[in-house]
């Protein structure tokens, strides 16, 4: 569901100039149609996050892009791990067991190495 610019302002309780600045800085990437901005659920969640970082946690403007990039990386890694887990579930049980054993052995050694 797409939400209009003004609806985001009300639901997140931020000013229009603030949200425009975040869009200009590419912190939020809504769809623009006919001069209006439309936000999907992910966009609205990101606006809420930025508002919380700025207003509740006192993160300064220079740090926001760094925090957002790090969070984007975390979310990307989580998606990749979910995809990997799904692929592993498709393997034959013997291959899954071999993988579990390998990971368990490396975990016991306190190290994980790439081959």
Protein backbone atom coordinates (compact mmCIF):
# COMPACT_ATOMS: atom_id res chain seq x y z
CA UNK A 1 0.00 0.00 0.00
CA UNK A 2 1.36 3.40 -0.93
CA UNK A 3 1.05 6.33 1.45
CA UNK A 4 1.02 9.99 0.41
CA UNK A 5 3.61 12.53 1.59
CA UNK A 6 1.18 14.34 3.92
CA UNK A 7 0.06 11.08 5.51
CA UNK A 8 3.66 10.21 6.35
CA UNK A 9 4.12 13.63 7.97
CA UNK A 10 1.12 13.05 10.23
CA UNK A 11 1.86 9.41 11.09
CA UNK A 12 5.54 10.03 11.91
CA UNK A 13 5.03 13.55 13.30
CA UNK A 14 7.75 15.33 11.34
CA UNK A 15 7.84 18.51 9.29
CA UNK A 16 7.57 18.73 5.52
CA UNK A 17 10.94 20.47 5.16
CA UNK A 18 12.59 17.72 7.19
CA UNK A 19 11.11 14.95 5.05
CA UNK A 20 11.98 16.82 1.84
CA UNK A 21 15.58 17.10 3.06
CA UNK A 22 15.72 13.35 3.75
CA UNK A 23 14.42 12.65 0.25
CA UNK A 24 16.95 15.05 -1.29
CA UNK A 25 19.75 13.33 0.62
CA UNK A 26 18.49 9.95 -0.65
CA UNK A 27 17.92 8.67 2.87
CA UNK A 28 14.39 7.77 1.76
CA UNK A 29 13.47 6.84 -1.83
CA UNK A 30 9.72 7.22 -2.36
CA UNK A 31 8.08 6.97 -5.76
CA UNK A 32 7.44 10.35 -7.38
CA UNK A 33 4.43 10.75 -9.63
CA UNK A 34 3.08 14.05 -10.91
CA UNK A 35 5.07 16.01 -8.33
CA UNK A 36 3.70 13.95 -5.42
CA UNK A 37 5.66 11.45 -3.35
CA UNK A 38 4.29 8.03 -2.47
CA UNK A 39 5.84 5.83 0.22
CA UNK A 40 5.58 2.07 0.56
CA UNK A 41 5.72 0.31 3.94
CA UNK A 42 9.50 0.05 3.79
CA UNK A 43 9.84 3.77 3.07
CA UNK A 44 7.57 4.65 5.99
CA UNK A 45 9.54 2.35 8.31
CA UNK A 46 12.75 4.04 7.18
CA UNK A 47 11.26 7.50 7.82
CA UNK A 48 10.27 6.33 11.32
CA UNK A 49 13.79 5.01 11.89
CA UNK A 50 15.41 8.26 10.77
CA UNK A 51 13.03 10.28 12.97
CA UNK A 52 13.88 8.06 15.93
CA UNK A 53 17.61 8.31 15.27
CA UNK A 54 17.45 12.10 14.94
CA UNK A 55 14.85 13.04 17.53
CA UNK A 56 14.93 10.32 20.19
CA UNK A 57 18.53 9.15 20.06
CA UNK A 58 20.19 12.43 19.09
CA UNK A 59 22.19 11.01 16.17
CA UNK A 60 23.64 13.94 14.26
CA UNK A 61 23.00 14.53 10.57
CA UNK A 62 26.51 13.50 9.50
CA UNK A 63 26.13 10.09 11.16
CA UNK A 64 22.71 9.24 9.70
CA UNK A 65 24.01 8.07 6.28
CA UNK A 66 26.59 5.87 8.01
CA UNK A 67 23.96 4.30 10.27
CA UNK A 68 21.59 3.77 7.32
CA UNK A 69 24.33 2.13 5.20
CA UNK A 70 25.25 -0.19 8.06
CA UNK A 71 21.63 -1.14 8.63
CA UNK A 72 21.14 -1.72 4.89
CA UNK A 73 24.15 -4.05 4.97
CA UNK A 74 22.74 -5.93 7.96
CA UNK A 75 19.37 -6.36 6.24
CA UNK A 76 21.08 -7.47 3.04
CA UNK A 77 23.14 -10.04 4.94
CA UNK A 78 20.01 -11.31 6.69
CA UNK A 79 18.30 -11.79 3.31
CA UNK A 80 21.39 -13.58 1.95
CA UNK A 81 21.49 -15.87 4.99
CA UNK A 82 17.79 -16.65 4.60
CA UNK A 83 18.37 -17.50 0.92
CA UNK A 84 21.35 -19.66 1.87
CA UNK A 85 19.32 -21.45 4.53
CA UNK A 86 16.56 -22.10 2.01
CA UNK A 87 19.11 -23.50 -0.47
CA UNK A 88 20.61 -25.72 2.23
CA UNK A 89 17.14 -27.09 3.02
CA UNK A 90 16.91 -28.22 -0.61
CA UNK A 91 20.12 -30.27 -0.34
CA UNK A 92 20.01 -34.00 0.28
CA UNK A 93 20.02 -34.86 4.01
CA UNK A 94 23.54 -36.31 3.76
CA UNK A 95 24.91 -33.03 2.41
CA UNK A 96 23.08 -31.09 5.13
CA UNK A 97 24.58 -33.33 7.79
CA UNK A 98 28.06 -32.93 6.30
CA UNK A 99 27.62 -29.16 6.38
CA UNK A 100 26.39 -29.23 10.00
CA UNK A 101 29.39 -31.31 10.97
CA UNK A 102 31.81 -28.97 9.20
CA UNK A 103 30.30 -25.90 10.85
CA UNK A 104 30.24 -27.58 14.24
CA UNK A 105 33.92 -28.59 13.96
CA UNK A 106 34.96 -25.03 13.02
CA UNK A 107 32.82 -23.54 15.78
CA UNK A 108 34.52 -25.79 18.33
CA UNK A 109 37.90 -24.52 17.13
CA UNK A 110 36.71 -20.96 17.69
CA UNK A 111 37.26 -20.04 14.06
CA UNK A 112 35.40 -20.03 10.79
CA UNK A 113 37.47 -20.13 7.66
CA UNK A 114 36.50 -19.77 4.05
CA UNK A 115 37.76 -22.33 1.56
